[in-house]
Amino acid sequence: MRYHSQSVSYWYFAVAMCLFGLQLVFGLLAASKYLGPDPLINILSFDKIKAIHTNLLLVWVLAGFMGATYYVVPEESRGEIYSTKLAYLQLVAWTLMGVTAVVGYMFGWTAGNKLLEQPLALKIVIVIVMLMFLYNILMTIKQAGRWTVTEGVLVAGLALAALLYLPALLEFDNYTVAIFYRWWTIHLWVEGVWEMIQGGLLAYLLIRLSGADREVMEKWLYVIVGLVFLAGIIGTAHHYYWIGVPYYWLPIGGFFSALEPMALLGMAMFAYFAMRRSGLSHPNALAVHWTIGSAVFTVFGAGLLGLAHTLPNVNRWTHGTMVTAMHGHGAFFGGYAMIVMALITYALPNLTNDRKVEGSSIGYWAFWLQIAGMFGMVLSFGTAGIGQVYLERILGLGYLDTQLKLQVHFLMLIATATLFTIGAGLFIWDFFRSPPKVGIELVDIVPAPAAP
């Protein structure tokens, strides 16, 4: 069944799509600066554009996670959202915070801590918004009197994301100490609890798209969460290699970094076995594409590309180079952007008017262009990074001289990023071309085919 209050999700998704589009604009601007000359250097320098690009990613993905949760929890708990007014108030506060942060970065209003550049006032707003969100969700579950493992993992991931944001409120005069505690938020988000959120959303989608048994799916979810906690949390150590911590962090970080892809591989196997049972026969085939794509691209971007450069003997050369950007772009797209777009694709036929359940040709073009574009971007970053390591860190060539010799890779990057942007633009246009339903009636969702 669907519930009236699920319509809140549409507006979260709408904000996420607007911020996604804005992120792409700043991403292309950042890539173009590698080619020079830069006429905007005195207005929008690279450091400002990069801060805006990365922070927009965090804001729109979290908006997508929150919208997805407001769609999933009512179905899982079989009850209306506790307070739609609170949900809308939360969305307004979140959007204003994100816009204020972007404008602030343009004028140098920043805390200066990479990926946690938000000034303290905005960080307090983030904490308040997350508390509002968790209160609303937990009261929804309490009011309904029913909860499932799937939504439990999803909500636990979001609750831990809020908890692990608290170290970001601390300020240190010593930059090394600040970096040490920064990873308690950044790493434990993107290589820990966000994977729990992805796993919860993946389980929800697979149960509905594959017709697989809930009990079997939730057992897979336990395995994934266990691997995330085992490898992801202790794997924070692989960020401690070069900041003055005791030597024993090298073998610990190296070992658990090598284990981290196991959770991602488990997630991909989880998706494969579920969909094999149904034969990919659910009417919403486009949502199936995004769901399976998220699981597979996560293994590639976060798993294989992460393992390729996080071990100590390799990371000593690749840290802070384009190889890091290679891993980061592939991991965030596969793990988090794609799962948000999967949930949006699944939910939109129920949230908007005149939209076919099976999707449109525009939707498929958006999917394949983004896949091809991101794959090309990953290759461009990777080849540029290998060249950078060799020229700059082995031969000792200066940074600027190295950048001049990598121009062909940056041209490839802009070309493939443009391809990705076209695909993302088609997805955003496809999202907004159907108006939202004003009054949503309770209807039965099209069931997934029974497993043979």
Protein backbone atom coordinates (compact mmCIF):
# COMPACT_ATOMS: atom_id res chain seq x y z
CA MET A 1 0.00 0.00 0.00
CA ARG A 2 0.95 3.64 -0.45
CA TYR A 3 0.16 6.40 2.02
CA HIS A 4 -0.83 10.04 1.61
CA SER A 5 2.16 11.31 3.55
CA GLN A 6 4.61 9.64 1.18
CA SER A 7 4.08 12.61 -1.14
CA VAL A 8 6.60 14.44 1.08
CA SER A 9 9.29 12.36 -0.63
CA TYR A 10 8.71 14.04 -3.97
CA TRP A 11 9.81 17.43 -2.67
CA TYR A 12 12.95 15.99 -1.10
CA PHE A 13 13.75 14.34 -4.42
CA ALA A 14 13.04 17.62 -6.25
CA VAL A 15 15.51 19.54 -4.05
CA ALA A 16 18.06 16.74 -4.49
CA MET A 17 17.75 16.93 -8.28
CA CYS A 18 18.19 20.72 -8.33
CA LEU A 19 21.32 20.48 -6.19
CA PHE A 20 22.57 17.56 -8.32
CA GLY A 21 22.35 19.76 -11.39
CA LEU A 22 24.17 22.58 -9.63
CA GLN A 23 26.90 20.18 -8.53
CA LEU A 24 27.49 19.17 -12.15
CA VAL A 25 27.94 22.81 -13.19
CA PHE A 26 30.66 23.34 -10.59
CA GLY A 27 32.24 19.98 -11.45
CA LEU A 28 32.66 20.99 -15.09
CA LEU A 29 34.04 24.37 -13.99
CA ALA A 30 36.59 22.60 -11.78
CA ALA A 31 37.68 20.29 -14.61
CA SER A 32 38.06 23.19 -17.05
CA LYS A 33 40.49 24.94 -14.70
CA TYR A 34 43.08 22.22 -15.34
CA LEU A 35 43.34 23.40 -18.95
CA GLY A 36 43.77 27.15 -18.36
CA PRO A 37 43.87 30.05 -18.78
CA ASP A 38 41.32 30.73 -16.08
CA PRO A 39 39.37 34.00 -16.52
CA LEU A 40 37.43 33.32 -13.30
CA ILE A 41 40.45 32.84 -11.05
CA ASN A 42 39.84 36.07 -9.11
CA ILE A 43 36.12 35.40 -8.76
CA LEU A 44 35.84 31.63 -8.35
CA SER A 45 39.18 30.06 -7.60
CA PHE A 46 39.66 26.29 -7.79
CA ASP A 47 39.55 25.80 -4.02
CA LYS A 48 36.15 27.52 -3.81
CA ILE A 49 34.71 25.56 -6.72
CA LYS A 50 35.99 22.26 -5.36
CA ALA A 51 34.49 22.97 -1.92
CA ILE A 52 31.12 23.81 -3.50
CA HIS A 53 31.25 20.75 -5.79
CA THR A 54 31.98 18.27 -3.00
CA ASN A 55 29.61 19.82 -0.46
CA LEU A 56 26.73 19.92 -2.95
CA LEU A 57 27.26 16.19 -3.38
CA LEU A 58 26.87 15.59 0.35
CA VAL A 59 23.80 17.85 0.60
CA TRP A 60 21.88 16.40 -2.36
CA VAL A 61 22.67 12.78 -1.53
CA LEU A 62 21.54 13.27 2.07
CA ALA A 63 18.38 15.00 0.83
CA GLY A 64 17.82 11.95 -1.36
CA PHE A 65 18.39 9.60 1.58
CA MET A 66 15.90 11.51 3.70
CA GLY A 67 13.31 11.55 0.90
CA ALA A 68 13.82 7.85 0.34
CA THR A 69 13.33 7.18 4.05
CA TYR A 70 10.07 9.13 4.06
CA TYR A 71 8.92 6.90 1.20
CA VAL A 72 10.18 3.57 2.59
CA VAL A 73 9.26 3.79 6.28
CA PRO A 74 5.48 4.26 5.81
CA GLU A 75 5.37 1.17 3.58
CA GLU A 76 7.53 -0.90 5.89
CA SER A 77 5.73 0.21 9.06
CA ARG A 78 2.32 0.37 7.34
CA GLY A 79 1.40 3.76 8.68
CA GLU A 80 1.41 7.45 7.83
CA ILE A 81 4.38 9.71 8.60
CA TYR A 82 4.06 11.11 12.12
CA SER A 83 4.19 14.78 11.06
CA THR A 84 4.30 15.98 7.46
CA LYS A 85 4.54 19.57 8.72
CA LEU A 86 7.75 18.70 10.54
CA ALA A 87 9.05 16.95 7.41
CA TYR A 88 8.42 20.06 5.28
CA LEU A 89 9.96 22.34 7.92
CA GLN A 90 13.00 20.09 7.97
CA LEU A 91 13.28 20.26 4.18
CA VAL A 92 13.11 24.07 4.18
CA ALA A 93 15.81 24.29 6.86
CA TRP A 94 18.01 21.78 5.00
CA THR A 95 17.64 23.62 1.69
CA LEU A 96 18.37 27.03 3.22
CA MET A 97 21.43 25.59 4.96
CA GLY A 98 22.74 24.15 1.67
CA VAL A 99 22.16 27.34 -0.32
CA THR A 100 23.68 29.49 2.44
CA ALA A 101 26.76 27.26 2.54
CA VAL A 102 27.26 27.52 -1.25
CA VAL A 103 26.96 31.32 -1.23
CA GLY A 104 29.21 31.49 1.83
CA TYR A 105 31.95 29.46 0.14
CA MET A 106 31.94 31.94 -2.75
CA PHE A 107 32.79 34.73 -0.32
CA GLY A 108 35.26 32.75 1.77
CA TRP A 109 32.90 31.91 4.67
CA THR A 110 34.26 28.48 5.52
CA ALA A 111 35.68 26.50 8.42
CA GLY A 112 38.55 25.41 6.16
CA ASN A 113 38.37 21.72 7.11
CA LYS A 114 38.28 19.70 3.89
CA LEU A 115 34.84 18.14 3.22
CA LEU A 116 33.61 19.68 6.49
CA GLU A 117 33.93 23.29 5.40
CA GLN A 118 30.58 24.32 6.86
CA PRO A 119 30.93 27.15 9.42
CA LEU A 120 29.87 26.28 12.97
CA ALA A 121 26.49 28.05 12.67
CA LEU A 122 25.55 25.88 9.66
CA LYS A 123 26.82 22.75 11.39
CA ILE A 124 24.43 23.45 14.27
CA VAL A 125 21.58 23.77 11.74
CA ILE A 126 22.58 20.39 10.28
CA VAL A 127 22.44 18.80 13.74
CA ILE A 128 19.00 20.32 14.41
CA VAL A 129 17.68 19.11 11.04
CA MET A 130 18.95 15.59 11.64
CA LEU A 131 17.34 15.53 15.10
CA MET A 132 14.02 16.67 13.59
CA PHE A 133 14.30 13.96 10.96
CA LEU A 134 15.13 11.14 13.37
CA TYR A 135 12.37 12.20 15.78
CA ASN A 136 9.81 12.18 12.96
CA ILE A 137 10.91 8.78 11.66
CA LEU A 138 11.10 7.12 15.07
CA MET A 139 7.68 8.47 16.03
CA THR A 140 6.32 7.16 12.73
CA ILE A 141 7.56 3.67 13.56
CA LYS A 142 6.30 3.92 17.15
CA GLN A 143 2.90 5.18 16.00
CA ALA A 144 2.56 2.31 13.51
CA GLY A 145 3.69 -0.28 16.03
CA ARG A 146 5.60 -2.27 13.40
CA TRP A 147 9.15 -2.27 12.11
CA THR A 148 11.22 -4.47 9.83
CA VAL A 149 14.91 -5.31 9.61
CA THR A 150 15.12 -3.42 6.31
CA GLU A 151 13.90 -0.14 7.74
CA GLY A 152 15.80 -0.82 10.96
CA VAL A 153 19.10 -0.94 9.08
CA LEU A 154 18.13 2.13 7.04
CA VAL A 155 17.17 4.19 10.09
CA ALA A 156 20.16 2.94 12.09
CA GLY A 157 22.45 4.09 9.29
CA LEU A 158 20.88 7.54 9.27
CA ALA A 159 20.98 7.78 13.07
CA LEU A 160 24.67 6.83 13.13
CA ALA A 161 25.34 9.34 10.35
CA ALA A 162 23.87 12.03 12.60
CA LEU A 163 25.88 10.80 15.61
CA LEU A 164 29.12 10.64 13.66
CA TYR A 165 28.65 14.21 12.47
CA LEU A 166 29.25 15.43 16.03
CA PRO A 167 33.09 15.24 15.78
CA ALA A 168 32.76 17.79 12.95
CA LEU A 169 31.64 20.33 15.56
CA LEU A 170 35.03 20.14 17.29
CA GLU A 171 37.71 22.65 16.30
CA PHE A 172 41.44 22.14 16.81
CA ASP A 173 44.35 24.52 16.38
CA ASN A 174 46.61 21.63 15.36
CA TYR A 175 45.85 20.66 11.75
CA THR A 176 47.11 17.08 12.19
CA VAL A 177 44.73 16.54 15.11
CA ALA A 178 41.91 18.09 13.09
CA ILE A 179 42.59 15.63 10.24
CA PHE A 180 42.61 12.72 12.69
CA TYR A 181 39.13 13.50 13.99
CA ARG A 182 37.82 14.55 10.57
CA TRP A 183 38.00 10.94 9.42
CA TRP A 184 35.68 9.94 12.27
CA THR A 185 33.01 11.73 10.27
CA ILE A 186 34.11 11.45 6.64
CA HIS A 187 35.35 7.85 6.53
CA LEU A 188 32.77 6.44 8.92
CA TRP A 189 30.10 8.11 6.81
CA VAL A 190 31.10 7.10 3.31
CA GLU A 191 32.77 3.76 4.08
CA GLY A 192 30.61 2.83 7.06
CA VAL A 193 27.11 3.95 7.91
CA TRP A 194 26.24 5.24 4.43
CA GLU A 195 26.81 1.69 3.24
CA MET A 196 24.20 0.62 5.79
CA ILE A 197 21.79 3.15 4.25
CA GLN A 198 22.59 1.84 0.78
CA GLY A 199 22.08 -1.73 2.00
CA GLY A 200 18.70 -0.88 3.54
CA LEU A 201 17.47 0.83 0.37
CA LEU A 202 18.86 -1.99 -1.77
CA ALA A 203 17.02 -4.57 0.33
CA TYR A 204 13.77 -2.61 0.10
CA LEU A 205 14.02 -2.33 -3.69
CA LEU A 206 15.02 -5.94 -4.24
CA ILE A 207 12.16 -7.28 -2.12
CA ARG A 208 9.72 -5.31 -4.25
CA LEU A 209 11.41 -5.69 -7.62
CA SER A 210 12.40 -9.35 -7.44
CA GLY A 211 9.63 -10.97 -5.40
CA ALA A 212 12.34 -12.55 -3.26
CA ASP A 213 11.54 -13.78 0.22
CA ARG A 214 11.95 -11.03 2.83
CA GLU A 215 13.57 -13.35 5.35
CA VAL A 216 16.26 -14.38 2.85
CA MET A 217 16.93 -10.77 1.85
CA GLU A 218 17.24 -9.65 5.46
CA LYS A 219 19.73 -12.42 6.20
CA TRP A 220 21.87 -11.01 3.39
CA LEU A 221 21.45 -7.61 4.99
CA TYR A 222 22.83 -8.91 8.29
CA VAL A 223 25.91 -10.18 6.45
CA ILE A 224 26.47 -6.85 4.72
CA VAL A 225 26.07 -4.84 7.92
CA GLY A 226 28.43 -7.21 9.73
CA LEU A 227 31.09 -6.77 7.07
CA VAL A 228 30.61 -2.99 7.09
CA PHE A 229 31.21 -2.84 10.83
CA LEU A 230 34.13 -5.26 10.72
CA ALA A 231 36.04 -3.73 7.82
CA GLY A 232 34.64 -0.22 7.37
CA ILE A 233 34.98 1.00 10.95
CA ILE A 234 38.44 -0.35 11.70
CA GLY A 235 39.42 0.48 8.12
CA THR A 236 39.42 4.14 9.16
CA ALA A 237 43.04 3.39 9.99
CA HIS A 238 44.05 3.58 6.34
CA HIS A 239 43.63 7.36 6.59
CA TYR A 240 46.06 7.47 9.50
CA TYR A 241 49.13 6.37 7.53
CA TRP A 242 50.75 9.75 7.05
CA ILE A 243 49.62 11.97 9.93
CA GLY A 244 52.08 10.99 12.64
CA VAL A 245 50.20 8.18 14.40
CA PRO A 246 52.11 5.11 15.70
CA TYR A 247 53.51 2.71 13.10
CA TYR A 248 51.13 -0.13 13.99
CA TRP A 249 48.33 1.67 12.12
CA LEU A 250 50.07 0.74 8.84
CA PRO A 251 49.40 -3.04 9.00
CA ILE A 252 46.00 -2.54 10.67
CA GLY A 253 44.89 -0.04 8.06
CA GLY A 254 46.28 -2.13 5.22
CA PHE A 255 44.57 -5.34 6.37
CA PHE A 256 41.13 -3.86 6.93
CA SER A 257 41.35 -1.76 3.77
CA ALA A 258 41.79 -5.05 1.90
CA LEU A 259 38.68 -6.43 3.64
CA GLU A 260 36.43 -3.46 2.84
CA PRO A 261 35.51 -4.65 -0.70
CA MET A 262 34.06 -7.83 0.85
CA ALA A 263 31.01 -5.92 2.10
CA LEU A 264 30.54 -4.39 -1.34
CA LEU A 265 30.96 -7.76 -3.05
CA GLY A 266 28.36 -9.17 -0.66
CA MET A 267 26.00 -6.37 -1.68
CA ALA A 268 26.45 -7.16 -5.38
CA MET A 269 25.90 -10.90 -4.79
CA PHE A 270 22.86 -9.99 -2.72
CA ALA A 271 21.40 -8.09 -5.70
CA TYR A 272 22.38 -10.71 -8.29
CA PHE A 273 20.81 -13.71 -6.54
CA ALA A 274 17.64 -11.76 -5.79
CA MET A 275 17.13 -10.63 -9.37
CA ARG A 276 18.05 -14.01 -10.86
CA ARG A 277 15.06 -15.52 -9.09
CA SER A 278 12.63 -13.11 -10.74
CA GLY A 279 14.26 -13.02 -14.18
CA LEU A 280 14.24 -9.19 -14.22
CA SER A 281 10.54 -9.30 -15.03
CA HIS A 282 9.20 -6.52 -12.79
CA PRO A 283 7.21 -3.89 -14.79
CA ASN A 284 9.49 -1.09 -13.55
CA ALA A 285 12.49 -2.32 -15.53
CA LEU A 286 14.24 1.04 -15.32
CA ALA A 287 14.29 0.86 -11.51
CA VAL A 288 15.75 -2.64 -11.85
CA HIS A 289 18.56 -1.21 -14.01
CA TRP A 290 19.42 1.46 -11.42
CA THR A 291 19.24 -1.02 -8.53
CA ILE A 292 21.50 -3.65 -10.07
CA GLY A 293 23.71 -0.91 -11.51
CA SER A 294 24.25 0.54 -8.04
CA ALA A 295 25.34 -2.80 -6.61
CA VAL A 296 27.70 -3.60 -9.50
CA PHE A 297 29.21 -0.11 -9.87
CA THR A 298 29.80 0.00 -6.11
CA VAL A 299 32.01 -3.08 -6.34
CA PHE A 300 33.93 -1.43 -9.18
CA GLY A 301 34.20 2.15 -7.92
CA ALA A 302 34.35 1.72 -4.16
CA GLY A 303 35.71 -1.83 -3.98
CA LEU A 304 38.21 -2.51 -6.76
CA LEU A 305 39.35 1.08 -7.33
CA GLY A 306 39.55 1.66 -3.59
CA LEU A 307 41.64 -1.45 -3.05
CA ALA A 308 43.86 -0.41 -5.95
CA HIS A 309 45.35 2.49 -4.01
CA THR A 310 44.57 2.31 -0.28
CA LEU A 311 47.22 -0.23 0.75
CA PRO A 312 50.17 1.52 2.43
CA ASN A 313 52.89 0.67 -0.11
CA VAL A 314 50.73 2.04 -2.93
CA ASN A 315 49.03 4.88 -1.08
CA ARG A 316 52.38 6.45 -0.19
CA TRP A 317 52.65 7.35 -3.88
CA THR A 318 49.00 7.90 -4.87
CA HIS A 319 47.67 9.80 -1.87
CA GLY A 320 46.31 13.20 -2.90
CA THR A 321 46.73 12.58 -6.63
CA MET A 322 44.18 12.10 -9.42
CA VAL A 323 44.08 8.44 -8.40
CA THR A 324 42.19 9.53 -5.29
CA ALA A 325 39.72 11.44 -7.48
CA MET A 326 39.30 8.31 -9.61
CA HIS A 327 38.25 6.26 -6.59
CA GLY A 328 36.11 9.02 -5.10
CA HIS A 329 34.03 9.66 -8.22
CA GLY A 330 33.43 5.97 -8.91
CA ALA A 331 32.57 5.17 -5.30
CA PHE A 332 30.13 8.03 -4.68
CA PHE A 333 28.33 7.54 -7.97
CA GLY A 334 27.90 3.78 -7.66
CA GLY A 335 27.23 3.59 -3.95
CA TYR A 336 25.07 6.61 -3.23
CA ALA A 337 24.02 8.61 -6.30
CA MET A 338 22.79 5.50 -8.12
CA ILE A 339 20.84 4.09 -5.17
CA VAL A 340 19.08 7.45 -4.72
CA MET A 341 18.22 7.50 -8.43
CA ALA A 342 17.04 3.89 -8.16
CA LEU A 343 14.60 4.78 -5.37
CA ILE A 344 13.45 7.89 -7.26
CA THR A 345 12.82 5.83 -10.40
CA TYR A 346 10.86 3.27 -8.41
CA ALA A 347 8.77 5.84 -6.53
CA LEU A 348 8.00 8.39 -9.26
CA PRO A 349 5.17 6.45 -10.99
CA ASN A 350 3.34 6.59 -7.64
CA LEU A 351 4.21 10.22 -6.88
CA THR A 352 3.57 11.88 -10.25
CA ASN A 353 0.89 12.01 -12.93
CA ASP A 354 1.03 10.48 -16.41
CA ARG A 355 4.19 8.44 -15.86
CA LYS A 356 4.57 4.90 -17.17
CA VAL A 357 5.69 2.32 -14.63
CA GLU A 358 8.13 0.74 -17.08
CA GLY A 359 9.95 4.03 -17.68
CA SER A 360 10.66 5.97 -20.86
CA SER A 361 13.37 6.00 -23.51
CA ILE A 362 14.64 9.22 -21.92
CA GLY A 363 15.14 7.35 -18.67
CA TYR A 364 17.20 4.63 -20.35
CA TRP A 365 19.32 7.18 -22.20
CA ALA A 366 19.91 8.92 -18.86
CA PHE A 367 21.00 5.63 -17.27
CA TRP A 368 23.43 4.51 -19.98
CA LEU A 369 24.92 7.95 -20.63
CA GLN A 370 25.67 8.36 -16.94
CA ILE A 371 27.23 4.89 -16.74
CA ALA A 372 29.37 5.50 -19.84
CA GLY A 373 30.30 9.03 -18.77
CA MET A 374 31.31 8.03 -15.26
CA PHE A 375 33.31 5.06 -16.54
CA GLY A 376 35.15 7.43 -18.88
CA MET A 377 35.74 9.92 -16.07
CA VAL A 378 37.18 7.18 -13.87
CA LEU A 379 39.56 6.12 -16.66
CA SER A 380 40.57 9.75 -17.27
CA PHE A 381 41.29 10.38 -13.59
CA GLY A 382 43.11 7.05 -13.31
CA THR A 383 45.43 7.56 -16.28
CA ALA A 384 46.11 11.16 -15.24
CA GLY A 385 46.87 9.95 -11.72
CA ILE A 386 49.31 7.28 -12.87
CA GLY A 387 51.11 9.84 -15.02
CA GLN A 388 51.12 12.29 -12.12
CA VAL A 389 52.63 9.76 -9.71
CA TYR A 390 55.39 8.82 -12.16
CA LEU A 391 56.32 12.33 -13.31
CA GLU A 392 55.89 14.19 -10.03
CA ARG A 393 56.63 11.71 -7.27
CA ILE A 394 59.10 9.35 -8.92
CA LEU A 395 60.94 11.54 -11.44
CA GLY A 396 60.59 14.64 -9.26
CA LEU A 397 59.10 16.93 -11.90
CA GLY A 398 57.44 20.07 -10.52
CA TYR A 399 53.69 20.12 -9.95
CA LEU A 400 52.88 22.72 -12.63
CA ASP A 401 55.19 21.12 -15.19
CA THR A 402 53.47 17.78 -14.49
CA GLN A 403 50.04 19.30 -14.99
CA LEU A 404 51.05 20.63 -18.41
CA LYS A 405 52.06 17.14 -19.52
CA LEU A 406 48.68 15.72 -18.45
CA GLN A 407 46.54 18.00 -20.61
CA VAL A 408 45.32 15.21 -22.90
CA HIS A 409 43.87 13.39 -19.89
CA PHE A 410 42.03 16.53 -18.79
CA LEU A 411 40.57 16.90 -22.28
CA MET A 412 39.34 13.30 -21.97
CA LEU A 413 37.96 14.14 -18.54
CA ILE A 414 35.96 17.11 -19.82
CA ALA A 415 34.64 15.09 -22.77
CA THR A 416 33.46 12.20 -20.60
CA ALA A 417 32.17 14.55 -17.89
CA THR A 418 30.10 16.30 -20.55
CA LEU A 419 28.66 12.92 -21.57
CA PHE A 420 27.82 12.22 -17.93
CA THR A 421 26.26 15.67 -17.53
CA ILE A 422 24.01 15.09 -20.54
CA GLY A 423 22.82 11.83 -18.99
CA ALA A 424 22.26 13.47 -15.62
CA GLY A 425 20.47 16.38 -17.30
CA LEU A 426 18.13 13.92 -19.02
CA PHE A 427 17.41 12.25 -15.68
CA ILE A 428 16.63 15.62 -14.06
CA TRP A 429 14.43 16.67 -17.00
CA ASP A 430 12.64 13.31 -16.91
CA PHE A 431 12.04 13.84 -13.19
CA PHE A 432 10.40 17.25 -13.59
CA ARG A 433 8.45 16.64 -16.81
CA SER A 434 5.60 14.94 -14.88
CA PRO A 435 3.80 17.05 -12.26
CA PRO A 436 3.43 15.67 -8.74
CA LYS A 437 0.10 14.27 -7.62
CA VAL A 438 -1.77 16.68 -5.39
CA GLY A 439 -3.94 14.09 -3.72
CA ILE A 440 -2.53 10.59 -3.55
CA GLU A 441 -5.07 7.84 -3.17
CA LEU A 442 -4.36 4.61 -1.39
CA VAL A 443 -3.68 2.00 -4.05
CA ASP A 444 -2.08 -1.37 -4.31
CA ILE A 445 1.44 -1.27 -5.67
CA VAL A 446 2.10 -3.54 -8.64
CA PRO A 447 3.48 -6.66 -7.00
CA ALA A 448 6.73 -8.22 -8.08
CA PRO A 449 6.40 -11.59 -9.79
CA ALA A 450 6.51 -14.53 -7.44
CA ALA A 451 9.81 -16.37 -7.34
CA PRO A 452 9.65 -19.69 -9.18
